[in-house]
């Protein structure tokens, strides 16, 4: 390396290290709910202003500090652009989860997708007051889930990834995984993947089982609740909303609910706390789910309680 370039690279390295340290401090404070989104983005903007102002003042000297400050200016300009979108989620305070009708797309498969209603609540931070108001208006819900800064940051990142084409939305991902696995004919799903009131990928396993029933590859005569994301290789991944799906299954008197192995503990906890009489069947692959359906039919849908 040319000796004359060493100050330049040293300045860049120092600029990156200082920027990384400052950003990690701001981000940690934000993700731990110590500061809100306005203070977080304000800190980014202020740091960008400090770096850029200092750079303009010292640039004429053409010394290492100018290179370091230029690096910090560029880094924080990118970070401001990347994180400014988090303000769009600042008003989100709670998600009220509630009942949605289970979905049997073929109509007679007995395999039921378990969607969960999610009502976003904005700007209300008093949970007790909110619950009282919803109950007074006759709004049925299972529970209120506080939205944290970590949730807001994750939502922002998912939105940006989708806009950049780096990530498909949950329903599109589910459809792609099913087709990659071999379910090329999904005509029975009709407009399921275009529904505006559904999101996420938790219907994948149920759709795979419904497809097998639709193709006469699997028989089922017992109403069963099914949830779980199915990957393109047939493995089943964990999902959210397990408690709500347990409650929905209970309302429909399903004897069994098939869940991802990753959600076994969540399901058993919900079963105990909500005093639900239902058999939880954890699976890790589509093959295990098929075997579970066959076994449920052999025992006639009786529970293990």
C-alpha atoms as a PDB file:
ATOM      1  CA  UNK A   1       0.000   0.000   0.000  1.00  0.00           C
ATOM      2  CA  UNK A   2       1.219   3.482  -0.844  1.00  0.00           C
ATOM      3  CA  UNK A   3       2.368   5.234   2.325  1.00  0.00           C
ATOM      4  CA  UNK A   4       0.568   8.403   1.256  1.00  0.00           C
ATOM      5  CA  UNK A   5      -2.749   6.512   1.277  1.00  0.00           C
ATOM      6  CA  UNK A   6      -2.403   5.329   4.877  1.00  0.00           C
ATOM      7  CA  UNK A   7      -3.867   8.494   6.447  1.00  0.00           C
ATOM      8  CA  UNK A   8      -6.813   8.240   4.088  1.00  0.00           C
ATOM      9  CA  UNK A   9      -7.606   4.629   4.997  1.00  0.00           C
ATOM     10  CA  UNK A  10      -6.989   5.318   8.661  1.00  0.00           C
ATOM     11  CA  UNK A  11      -9.475   8.185   8.487  1.00  0.00           C
ATOM     12  CA  UNK A  12     -12.061   5.992   6.801  1.00  0.00           C
ATOM     13  CA  UNK A  13     -11.566   3.254   9.395  1.00  0.00           C
ATOM     14  CA  UNK A  14     -11.898   5.711  12.277  1.00  0.00           C
ATOM     15  CA  UNK A  15     -15.003   7.222  10.695  1.00  0.00           C
ATOM     16  CA  UNK A  16     -16.614   3.807  10.330  1.00  0.00           C
ATOM     17  CA  UNK A  17     -15.774   2.829  13.912  1.00  0.00           C
ATOM     18  CA  UNK A  18     -17.082   6.072  15.391  1.00  0.00           C
ATOM     19  CA  UNK A  19     -20.245   5.853  13.278  1.00  0.00           C
ATOM     20  CA  UNK A  20     -20.827   2.221  14.225  1.00  0.00           C
ATOM     21  CA  UNK A  21     -20.427   3.001  17.916  1.00  0.00           C
ATOM     22  CA  UNK A  22     -22.743   6.009  17.807  1.00  0.00           C
ATOM     23  CA  UNK A  23     -25.390   4.151  15.826  1.00  0.00           C
ATOM     24  CA  UNK A  24     -25.266   1.109  18.087  1.00  0.00           C
ATOM     25  CA  UNK A  25     -25.877   3.362  21.100  1.00  0.00           C
ATOM     26  CA  UNK A  26     -28.857   5.090  19.454  1.00  0.00           C
ATOM     27  CA  UNK A  27     -30.313   1.818  18.166  1.00  0.00           C
ATOM     28  CA  UNK A  28     -29.940   0.076  21.531  1.00  0.00           C
ATOM     29  CA  UNK A  29     -31.718   2.919  23.285  1.00  0.00           C
ATOM     30  CA  UNK A  30     -34.503   2.720  20.712  1.00  0.00           C
ATOM     31  CA  UNK A  31     -34.935  -1.060  20.672  1.00  0.00           C
ATOM     32  CA  UNK A  32     -35.097  -1.165  24.467  1.00  0.00           C
ATOM     33  CA  UNK A  33     -37.881   1.465  24.409  1.00  0.00           C
ATOM     34  CA  UNK A  34     -35.678   3.966  26.253  1.00  0.00           C
ATOM     35  CA  UNK A  35     -36.308   6.562  23.551  1.00  0.00           C
ATOM     36  CA  UNK A  36     -39.080   6.854  20.968  1.00  0.00           C
ATOM     37  CA  UNK A  37     -38.828   7.000  17.194  1.00  0.00           C
ATOM     38  CA  UNK A  38     -38.708  10.792  17.085  1.00  0.00           C
ATOM     39  CA  UNK A  39     -35.708  10.919  19.416  1.00  0.00           C
ATOM     40  CA  UNK A  40     -34.060   8.055  17.552  1.00  0.00           C
ATOM     41  CA  UNK A  41     -34.330   9.660  14.118  1.00  0.00           C
ATOM     42  CA  UNK A  42     -33.577  13.041  15.672  1.00  0.00           C
ATOM     43  CA  UNK A  43     -30.329  11.666  17.064  1.00  0.00           C
ATOM     44  CA  UNK A  44     -29.427  10.329  13.624  1.00  0.00           C
ATOM     45  CA  UNK A  45     -30.171  13.672  11.992  1.00  0.00           C
ATOM     46  CA  UNK A  46     -28.246  15.595  14.639  1.00  0.00           C
ATOM     47  CA  UNK A  47     -25.219  13.325  14.290  1.00  0.00           C
ATOM     48  CA  UNK A  48     -25.372  13.695  10.517  1.00  0.00           C
ATOM     49  CA  UNK A  49     -25.493  17.482  10.954  1.00  0.00           C
ATOM     50  CA  UNK A  50     -22.495  17.429  13.317  1.00  0.00           C
ATOM     51  CA  UNK A  51     -20.429  15.267  10.988  1.00  0.00           C
ATOM     52  CA  UNK A  52     -21.318  17.238   7.860  1.00  0.00           C
ATOM     53  CA  UNK A  53     -20.751  20.643   9.486  1.00  0.00           C
ATOM     54  CA  UNK A  54     -17.426  19.574  10.942  1.00  0.00           C
ATOM     55  CA  UNK A  55     -16.429  18.126   7.587  1.00  0.00           C
ATOM     56  CA  UNK A  56     -17.168  21.379   5.747  1.00  0.00           C
ATOM     57  CA  UNK A  57     -15.161  23.344   8.303  1.00  0.00           C
ATOM     58  CA  UNK A  58     -12.123  21.051   8.170  1.00  0.00           C
ATOM     59  CA  UNK A  59     -12.245  19.888   4.530  1.00  0.00           C
ATOM     60  CA  UNK A  60     -10.106  22.746   3.290  1.00  0.00           C
ATOM     61  CA  UNK A  61      -7.241  21.489   5.433  1.00  0.00           C
ATOM     62  CA  UNK A  62      -7.162  18.161   3.554  1.00  0.00           C
ATOM     63  CA  UNK A  63      -6.101  16.242   6.617  1.00  0.00           C
ATOM     64  CA  UNK A  64      -7.118  12.863   8.080  1.00  0.00           C
ATOM     65  CA  UNK A  65      -9.883  14.350  10.265  1.00  0.00           C
ATOM     66  CA  UNK A  66     -11.622  15.551   7.066  1.00  0.00           C
ATOM     67  CA  UNK A  67     -11.592  12.000   5.675  1.00  0.00           C
ATOM     68  CA  UNK A  68     -12.941  10.638   8.947  1.00  0.00           C
ATOM     69  CA  UNK A  69     -15.693  13.245   9.064  1.00  0.00           C
ATOM     70  CA  UNK A  70     -16.583  12.644   5.416  1.00  0.00           C
ATOM     71  CA  UNK A  71     -16.987   8.963   6.186  1.00  0.00           C
ATOM     72  CA  UNK A  72     -19.237   9.710   9.149  1.00  0.00           C
ATOM     73  CA  UNK A  73     -21.300  12.102   7.039  1.00  0.00           C
ATOM     74  CA  UNK A  74     -21.900   9.504   4.341  1.00  0.00           C
ATOM     75  CA  UNK A  75     -22.671   6.728   6.850  1.00  0.00           C
ATOM     76  CA  UNK A  76     -25.241   8.767   8.765  1.00  0.00           C
ATOM     77  CA  UNK A  77     -26.812  10.086   5.571  1.00  0.00           C
ATOM     78  CA  UNK A  78     -27.472   6.459   4.595  1.00  0.00           C
ATOM     79  CA  UNK A  79     -28.720   5.595   8.086  1.00  0.00           C
ATOM     80  CA  UNK A  80     -31.121   8.544   8.133  1.00  0.00           C
ATOM     81  CA  UNK A  81     -32.597   7.404   4.819  1.00  0.00           C
ATOM     82  CA  UNK A  82     -32.740   3.777   6.000  1.00  0.00           C
ATOM     83  CA  UNK A  83     -34.346   4.425   9.399  1.00  0.00           C
ATOM     84  CA  UNK A  84     -36.487   7.499   8.790  1.00  0.00           C
ATOM     85  CA  UNK A  85     -39.389   5.240   7.752  1.00  0.00           C
ATOM     86  CA  UNK A  86     -39.665   4.029  11.346  1.00  0.00           C
ATOM     87  CA  UNK A  87     -41.641   7.187  12.098  1.00  0.00           C
ATOM     88  CA  UNK A  88     -44.537   5.789  10.062  1.00  0.00           C
ATOM     89  CA  UNK A  89     -44.995   3.161  12.782  1.00  0.00           C
ATOM     90  CA  UNK A  90     -44.548   5.470  15.773  1.00  0.00           C
ATOM     91  CA  UNK A  91     -48.281   5.835  16.365  1.00  0.00           C
ATOM     92  CA  UNK A  92     -48.900   2.071  16.546  1.00  0.00           C
ATOM     93  CA  UNK A  93     -49.447   1.153  20.191  1.00  0.00           C
ATOM     94  CA  UNK A  94     -51.414  -2.114  20.366  1.00  0.00           C
ATOM     95  CA  UNK A  95     -52.678  -4.975  18.267  1.00  0.00           C
ATOM     96  CA  UNK A  96     -56.023  -6.359  19.354  1.00  0.00           C
ATOM     97  CA  UNK A  97     -56.185 -10.010  18.311  1.00  0.00           C
ATOM     98  CA  UNK A  98     -59.522 -11.703  17.867  1.00  0.00           C
ATOM     99  CA  UNK A  99     -61.576 -14.440  16.272  1.00  0.00           C
ATOM    100  CA  UNK A 100     -61.749 -15.192  12.562  1.00  0.00           C
ATOM    101  CA  UNK A 101     -63.720 -17.988  10.991  1.00  0.00           C
ATOM    102  CA  UNK A 102     -61.569 -21.047  10.205  1.00  0.00           C
ATOM    103  CA  UNK A 103     -61.133 -21.643   6.476  1.00  0.00           C
ATOM    104  CA  UNK A 104     -61.635 -24.946   4.675  1.00  0.00           C
ATOM    105  CA  UNK A 105     -60.977 -23.952   1.066  1.00  0.00           C
ATOM    106  CA  UNK A 106     -62.022 -27.237  -0.625  1.00  0.00           C
ATOM    107  CA  UNK A 107     -65.144 -27.089   1.543  1.00  0.00           C
ATOM    108  CA  UNK A 108     -65.084 -30.686   2.720  1.00  0.00           C
ATOM    109  CA  UNK A 109     -61.468 -31.457   3.590  1.00  0.00           C
ATOM    110  CA  UNK A 110     -61.930 -31.093   7.347  1.00  0.00           C
ATOM    111  CA  UNK A 111     -58.565 -29.313   7.393  1.00  0.00           C
ATOM    112  CA  UNK A 112     -59.049 -25.803   8.744  1.00  0.00           C
ATOM    113  CA  UNK A 113     -56.763 -22.816   8.328  1.00  0.00           C
ATOM    114  CA  UNK A 114     -56.795 -20.779  11.546  1.00  0.00           C
ATOM    115  CA  UNK A 115     -56.565 -17.073  10.710  1.00  0.00           C
ATOM    116  CA  UNK A 116     -56.421 -14.494  13.477  1.00  0.00           C
ATOM    117  CA  UNK A 117     -58.087 -11.095  13.339  1.00  0.00           C
ATOM    118  CA  UNK A 118     -55.629  -8.279  14.053  1.00  0.00           C
ATOM    119  CA  UNK A 119     -57.031  -4.833  14.793  1.00  0.00           C
ATOM    120  CA  UNK A 120     -54.244  -2.204  14.942  1.00  0.00           C
ATOM    121  CA  UNK A 121     -54.657   0.458  17.616  1.00  0.00           C
ATOM    122  CA  UNK A 122     -52.912   3.817  17.216  1.00  0.00           C
ATOM    123  CA  UNK A 123     -51.984   6.551  19.687  1.00  0.00           C
ATOM    124  CA  UNK A 124     -53.753   5.016  22.705  1.00  0.00           C
ATOM    125  CA  UNK A 125     -51.249   4.022  25.379  1.00  0.00           C
ATOM    126  CA  UNK A 126     -53.531   3.406  28.367  1.00  0.00           C
ATOM    127  CA  UNK A 127     -54.261  -0.317  28.114  1.00  0.00           C
ATOM    128  CA  UNK A 128     -56.910  -0.382  30.857  1.00  0.00           C
ATOM    129  CA  UNK A 129     -58.792   2.529  29.305  1.00  0.00           C
ATOM    130  CA  UNK A 130     -58.563   0.912  25.868  1.00  0.00           C
ATOM    131  CA  UNK A 131     -59.901  -2.436  27.100  1.00  0.00           C
ATOM    132  CA  UNK A 132     -62.774  -0.707  28.880  1.00  0.00           C
ATOM    133  CA  UNK A 133     -63.659   1.239  25.747  1.00  0.00           C
ATOM    134  CA  UNK A 134     -63.557  -1.817  23.486  1.00  0.00           C
ATOM    135  CA  UNK A 135     -65.713  -3.818  25.872  1.00  0.00           C
ATOM    136  CA  UNK A 136     -68.198  -0.939  26.136  1.00  0.00           C
ATOM    137  CA  UNK A 137     -68.468  -0.901  22.317  1.00  0.00           C
ATOM    138  CA  UNK A 138     -68.984  -4.653  22.189  1.00  0.00           C
ATOM    139  CA  UNK A 139     -65.729  -5.316  20.338  1.00  0.00           C
ATOM    140  CA  UNK A 140     -64.730  -8.943  20.938  1.00  0.00           C
ATOM    141  CA  UNK A 141     -61.033  -9.670  21.198  1.00  0.00           C
ATOM    142  CA  UNK A 142     -58.777 -12.317  22.641  1.00  0.00           C
ATOM    143  CA  UNK A 143     -56.038 -10.060  23.945  1.00  0.00           C
ATOM    144  CA  UNK A 144     -54.189  -6.793  23.504  1.00  0.00           C
ATOM    145  CA  UNK A 145     -50.568  -7.052  22.442  1.00  0.00           C
ATOM    146  CA  UNK A 146     -48.436  -3.972  23.158  1.00  0.00           C
ATOM    147  CA  UNK A 147     -46.319  -2.912  20.182  1.00  0.00           C
ATOM    148  CA  UNK A 148     -42.703  -2.259  21.123  1.00  0.00           C
ATOM    149  CA  UNK A 149     -40.013  -0.330  19.285  1.00  0.00           C
ATOM    150  CA  UNK A 150     -38.482  -3.659  18.333  1.00  0.00           C
ATOM    151  CA  UNK A 151     -41.777  -4.553  16.617  1.00  0.00           C
ATOM    152  CA  UNK A 152     -41.846  -1.188  14.834  1.00  0.00           C
ATOM    153  CA  UNK A 153     -38.246  -1.541  13.663  1.00  0.00           C
ATOM    154  CA  UNK A 154     -38.892  -5.055  12.381  1.00  0.00           C
ATOM    155  CA  UNK A 155     -42.013  -3.909  10.518  1.00  0.00           C
ATOM    156  CA  UNK A 156     -40.034  -1.107   8.923  1.00  0.00           C
ATOM    157  CA  UNK A 157     -37.301  -3.499   7.796  1.00  0.00           C
ATOM    158  CA  UNK A 158     -39.825  -5.945   6.339  1.00  0.00           C
ATOM    159  CA  UNK A 159     -41.526  -3.131   4.421  1.00  0.00           C
ATOM    160  CA  UNK A 160     -38.231  -1.919   2.972  1.00  0.00           C
ATOM    161  CA  UNK A 161     -37.180  -5.449   2.040  1.00  0.00           C
ATOM    162  CA  UNK A 162     -40.476  -5.988   0.215  1.00  0.00           C
ATOM    163  CA  UNK A 163     -40.188  -2.655  -1.588  1.00  0.00           C
ATOM    164  CA  UNK A 164     -36.678  -3.612  -2.692  1.00  0.00           C
ATOM    165  CA  UNK A 165     -37.890  -6.982  -3.927  1.00  0.00           C
ATOM    166  CA  UNK A 166     -35.719  -8.806  -1.410  1.00  0.00           C
ATOM    167  CA  UNK A 167     -38.613 -10.412   0.401  1.00  0.00           C
ATOM    168  CA  UNK A 168     -42.060 -11.569  -0.647  1.00  0.00           C
ATOM    169  CA  UNK A 169     -45.064 -10.947   1.555  1.00  0.00           C
ATOM    170  CA  UNK A 170     -46.239 -13.859   3.676  1.00  0.00           C
ATOM    171  CA  UNK A 171     -48.985 -15.093   1.355  1.00  0.00           C
ATOM    172  CA  UNK A 172     -46.802 -14.852  -1.744  1.00  0.00           C
ATOM    173  CA  UNK A 173     -44.023 -16.715   0.072  1.00  0.00           C
ATOM    174  CA  UNK A 174     -46.492 -19.412   1.085  1.00  0.00           C
ATOM    175  CA  UNK A 175     -47.723 -19.862  -2.483  1.00  0.00           C
ATOM    176  CA  UNK A 176     -44.157 -20.044  -3.819  1.00  0.00           C
ATOM    177  CA  UNK A 177     -43.132 -22.637  -1.223  1.00  0.00           C
ATOM    178  CA  UNK A 178     -46.152 -24.809  -1.973  1.00  0.00           C
ATOM    179  CA  UNK A 179     -45.443 -24.742  -5.703  1.00  0.00           C
ATOM    180  CA  UNK A 180     -41.728 -25.406  -5.152  1.00  0.00           C
ATOM    181  CA  UNK A 181     -42.612 -28.434  -3.037  1.00  0.00           C
ATOM    182  CA  UNK A 182     -44.776 -29.855  -5.810  1.00  0.00           C
ATOM    183  CA  UNK A 183     -48.298 -28.513  -5.335  1.00  0.00           C
ATOM    184  CA  UNK A 184     -48.575 -27.015  -8.806  1.00  0.00           C
ATOM    185  CA  UNK A 185     -52.384 -27.112  -8.912  1.00  0.00           C
ATOM    186  CA  UNK A 186     -53.699 -24.667  -6.321  1.00  0.00           C
ATOM    187  CA  UNK A 187     -56.874 -23.835  -8.206  1.00  0.00           C
ATOM    188  CA  UNK A 188     -58.976 -24.814  -5.192  1.00  0.00           C
ATOM    189  CA  UNK A 189     -57.574 -21.849  -3.277  1.00  0.00           C
ATOM    190  CA  UNK A 190     -59.481 -19.453  -5.563  1.00  0.00           C
ATOM    191  CA  UNK A 191     -58.551 -15.897  -4.485  1.00  0.00           C
ATOM    192  CA  UNK A 192     -57.053 -16.881  -1.127  1.00  0.00           C
ATOM    193  CA  UNK A 193     -53.615 -15.445  -1.890  1.00  0.00           C
ATOM    194  CA  UNK A 194     -55.109 -12.092  -2.933  1.00  0.00           C
ATOM    195  CA  UNK A 195     -57.250 -11.515   0.147  1.00  0.00           C
ATOM    196  CA  UNK A 196     -56.580  -8.162   1.778  1.00  0.00           C
ATOM    197  CA  UNK A 197     -57.649  -9.279   5.254  1.00  0.00           C
ATOM    198  CA  UNK A 198     -55.035 -12.029   5.487  1.00  0.00           C
ATOM    199  CA  UNK A 199     -51.300 -11.832   5.964  1.00  0.00           C
ATOM    200  CA  UNK A 200     -48.389 -13.967   7.091  1.00  0.00           C
ATOM    201  CA  UNK A 201     -47.333 -17.482   6.179  1.00  0.00           C
ATOM    202  CA  UNK A 202     -49.014 -19.577   8.872  1.00  0.00           C
ATOM    203  CA  UNK A 203     -51.539 -21.138   6.441  1.00  0.00           C
ATOM    204  CA  UNK A 204     -48.868 -23.056   4.518  1.00  0.00           C
ATOM    205  CA  UNK A 205     -49.169 -26.426   6.256  1.00  0.00           C
ATOM    206  CA  UNK A 206     -52.971 -26.378   6.223  1.00  0.00           C
ATOM    207  CA  UNK A 207     -52.995 -25.492   2.520  1.00  0.00           C
ATOM    208  CA  UNK A 208     -50.630 -28.382   1.774  1.00  0.00           C
ATOM    209  CA  UNK A 209     -52.904 -30.840   3.576  1.00  0.00           C
ATOM    210  CA  UNK A 210     -55.979 -29.380   1.877  1.00  0.00           C
ATOM    211  CA  UNK A 211     -54.247 -29.797  -1.490  1.00  0.00           C
ATOM    212  CA  UNK A 212     -53.571 -33.458  -0.730  1.00  0.00           C
ATOM    213  CA  UNK A 213     -57.215 -34.033   0.209  1.00  0.00           C
ATOM    214  CA  UNK A 214     -58.281 -32.179  -2.929  1.00  0.00           C
ATOM    215  CA  UNK A 215     -56.046 -34.463  -5.031  1.00  0.00           C
ATOM    216  CA  UNK A 216     -57.409 -37.569  -3.244  1.00  0.00           C
ATOM    217  CA  UNK A 217     -53.966 -38.291  -1.802  1.00  0.00           C
ATOM    218  CA  UNK A 218     -55.208 -37.989   1.781  1.00  0.00           C
ATOM    219  CA  UNK A 219     -58.507 -38.828   3.456  1.00  0.00           C
ATOM    220  CA  UNK A 220     -59.793 -36.902   6.432  1.00  0.00           C
ATOM    221  CA  UNK A 221     -63.177 -37.156   8.117  1.00  0.00           C
ATOM    222  CA  UNK A 222     -62.402 -35.336  11.363  1.00  0.00           C
ATOM    223  CA  UNK A 223     -62.446 -31.526  11.666  1.00  0.00           C
ATOM    224  CA  UNK A 224     -58.901 -30.477  12.564  1.00  0.00           C
ATOM    225  CA  UNK A 225     -57.293 -27.100  13.165  1.00  0.00           C
ATOM    226  CA  UNK A 226     -53.921 -26.699  11.456  1.00  0.00           C
ATOM    227  CA  UNK A 227     -51.297 -23.964  11.619  1.00  0.00           C
ATOM    228  CA  UNK A 228     -47.670 -23.728  10.567  1.00  0.00           C
ATOM    229  CA  UNK A 229     -45.495 -22.233   7.860  1.00  0.00           C
ATOM    230  CA  UNK A 230     -44.330 -24.769   5.287  1.00  0.00           C
ATOM    231  CA  UNK A 231     -40.952 -24.307   3.662  1.00  0.00           C
ATOM    232  CA  UNK A 232     -40.187 -25.369   0.105  1.00  0.00           C
ATOM    233  CA  UNK A 233     -38.486 -28.562   1.362  1.00  0.00           C
ATOM    234  CA  UNK A 234     -41.521 -29.644   3.377  1.00  0.00           C
ATOM    235  CA  UNK A 235     -40.287 -28.640   6.808  1.00  0.00           C
ATOM    236  CA  UNK A 236     -42.696 -26.835   9.106  1.00  0.00           C
ATOM    237  CA  UNK A 237     -41.658 -23.579  10.774  1.00  0.00           C
ATOM    238  CA  UNK A 238     -43.045 -21.812  13.811  1.00  0.00           C
ATOM    239  CA  UNK A 239     -45.730 -19.142  13.625  1.00  0.00           C
ATOM    240  CA  UNK A 240     -47.375 -16.567  15.840  1.00  0.00           C
ATOM    241  CA  UNK A 241     -50.836 -16.290  17.358  1.00  0.00           C
ATOM    242  CA  UNK A 242     -50.853 -19.791  18.840  1.00  0.00           C
ATOM    243  CA  UNK A 243     -53.037 -18.864  21.818  1.00  0.00           C
ATOM    244  CA  UNK A 244     -55.630 -17.270  19.542  1.00  0.00           C
ATOM    245  CA  UNK A 245     -55.625 -20.298  17.245  1.00  0.00           C
ATOM    246  CA  UNK A 246     -56.082 -22.596  20.211  1.00  0.00           C
ATOM    247  CA  UNK A 247     -59.090 -20.541  21.333  1.00  0.00           C
ATOM    248  CA  UNK A 248     -60.592 -20.558  17.827  1.00  0.00           C
ATOM    249  CA  UNK A 249     -60.156 -24.334  17.608  1.00  0.00           C
ATOM    250  CA  UNK A 250     -61.837 -24.688  20.979  1.00  0.00           C
ATOM    251  CA  UNK A 251     -64.787 -22.540  19.874  1.00  0.00           C
ATOM    252  CA  UNK A 252     -65.322 -24.941  16.965  1.00  0.00           C
ATOM    253  CA  UNK A 253     -64.881 -28.008  19.178  1.00  0.00           C
ATOM    254  CA  UNK A 254     -61.960 -29.340  17.158  1.00  0.00           C
ATOM    255  CA  UNK A 255     -60.579 -32.384  18.946  1.00  0.00           C
ATOM    256  CA  UNK A 256     -57.043 -31.793  17.647  1.00  0.00           C
ATOM    257  CA  UNK A 257     -54.841 -28.952  16.518  1.00  0.00           C
ATOM    258  CA  UNK A 258     -51.688 -29.590  14.502  1.00  0.00           C
ATOM    259  CA  UNK A 259     -48.950 -27.064  15.261  1.00  0.00           C
ATOM    260  CA  UNK A 260     -45.234 -26.692  14.465  1.00  0.00           C
ATOM    261  CA  UNK A 261     -42.886 -28.430  16.873  1.00  0.00           C
ATOM    262  CA  UNK A 262     -41.388 -24.989  17.480  1.00  0.00           C
ATOM    263  CA  UNK A 263     -44.732 -23.904  18.960  1.00  0.00           C
ATOM    264  CA  UNK A 264     -45.327 -26.964  21.156  1.00  0.00           C
ATOM    265  CA  UNK A 265     -44.570 -25.124  24.401  1.00  0.00           C
ATOM    266  CA  UNK A 266     -46.751 -22.148  23.410  1.00  0.00           C
ATOM    267  CA  UNK A 267     -49.668 -24.426  22.580  1.00  0.00           C
ATOM    268  CA  UNK A 268     -49.385 -26.464  25.776  1.00  0.00           C
ATOM    269  CA  UNK A 269     -49.148 -23.293  27.846  1.00  0.00           C
ATOM    270  CA  UNK A 270     -52.248 -21.834  26.177  1.00  0.00           C
ATOM    271  CA  UNK A 271     -54.083 -25.130  26.657  1.00  0.00           C
ATOM    272  CA  UNK A 272     -53.347 -25.102  30.387  1.00  0.00           C
ATOM    273  CA  UNK A 273     -53.981 -21.414  31.014  1.00  0.00           C
ATOM    274  CA  UNK A 274     -57.174 -21.273  28.948  1.00  0.00           C
ATOM    275  CA  UNK A 275     -58.347 -24.692  30.222  1.00  0.00           C
ATOM    276  CA  UNK A 276     -58.915 -25.984  26.709  1.00  0.00           C
ATOM    277  CA  UNK A 277     -59.767 -29.620  26.093  1.00  0.00           C
ATOM    278  CA  UNK A 278     -57.912 -30.274  22.860  1.00  0.00           C
ATOM    279  CA  UNK A 279     -55.053 -32.502  21.797  1.00  0.00           C
ATOM    280  CA  UNK A 280     -51.963 -30.650  20.585  1.00  0.00           C
ATOM    281  CA  UNK A 281     -50.092 -32.485  17.810  1.00  0.00           C
ATOM    282  CA  UNK A 282     -46.651 -30.978  17.096  1.00  0.00           C
ATOM    283  CA  UNK A 283     -44.991 -31.748  13.757  1.00  0.00           C
ATOM    284  CA  UNK A 284     -41.752 -30.836  12.025  1.00  0.00           C
ATOM    285  CA  UNK A 285     -42.512 -31.851   8.430  1.00  0.00           C
ATOM    286  CA  UNK A 286     -45.438 -32.241   6.031  1.00  0.00           C
ATOM    287  CA  UNK A 287     -44.906 -36.001   6.259  1.00  0.00           C
ATOM    288  CA  UNK A 288     -45.429 -35.949  10.014  1.00  0.00           C
ATOM    289  CA  UNK A 289     -48.561 -33.858   9.535  1.00  0.00           C
ATOM    290  CA  UNK A 290     -49.970 -36.412   7.078  1.00  0.00           C
ATOM    291  CA  UNK A 291     -49.272 -39.197   9.559  1.00  0.00           C
ATOM    292  CA  UNK A 292     -50.956 -37.139  12.280  1.00  0.00           C
ATOM    293  CA  UNK A 293     -54.120 -36.709  10.199  1.00  0.00           C
ATOM    294  CA  UNK A 294     -54.235 -40.455   9.510  1.00  0.00           C
ATOM    295  CA  UNK A 295     -53.818 -41.258  13.204  1.00  0.00           C
ATOM    296  CA  UNK A 296     -56.514 -38.760  14.208  1.00  0.00           C
ATOM    297  CA  UNK A 297     -58.898 -40.492  11.816  1.00  0.00           C
ATOM    298  CA  UNK A 298     -57.999 -43.898  13.213  1.00  0.00           C
ATOM    299  CA  UNK A 299     -58.930 -42.861  16.741  1.00  0.00           C
ATOM    300  CA  UNK A 300     -62.018 -41.026  15.547  1.00  0.00           C
ATOM    301  CA  UNK A 301     -61.042 -37.602  16.812  1.00  0.00           C
ATOM    302  CA  UNK A 302     -61.044 -38.408  20.525  1.00  0.00           C
ATOM    303  CA  UNK A 303     -58.781 -36.237  22.663  1.00  0.00           C
ATOM    304  CA  UNK A 304     -56.029 -37.315  25.015  1.00  0.00           C
ATOM    305  CA  UNK A 305     -57.758 -35.686  28.011  1.00  0.00           C
END
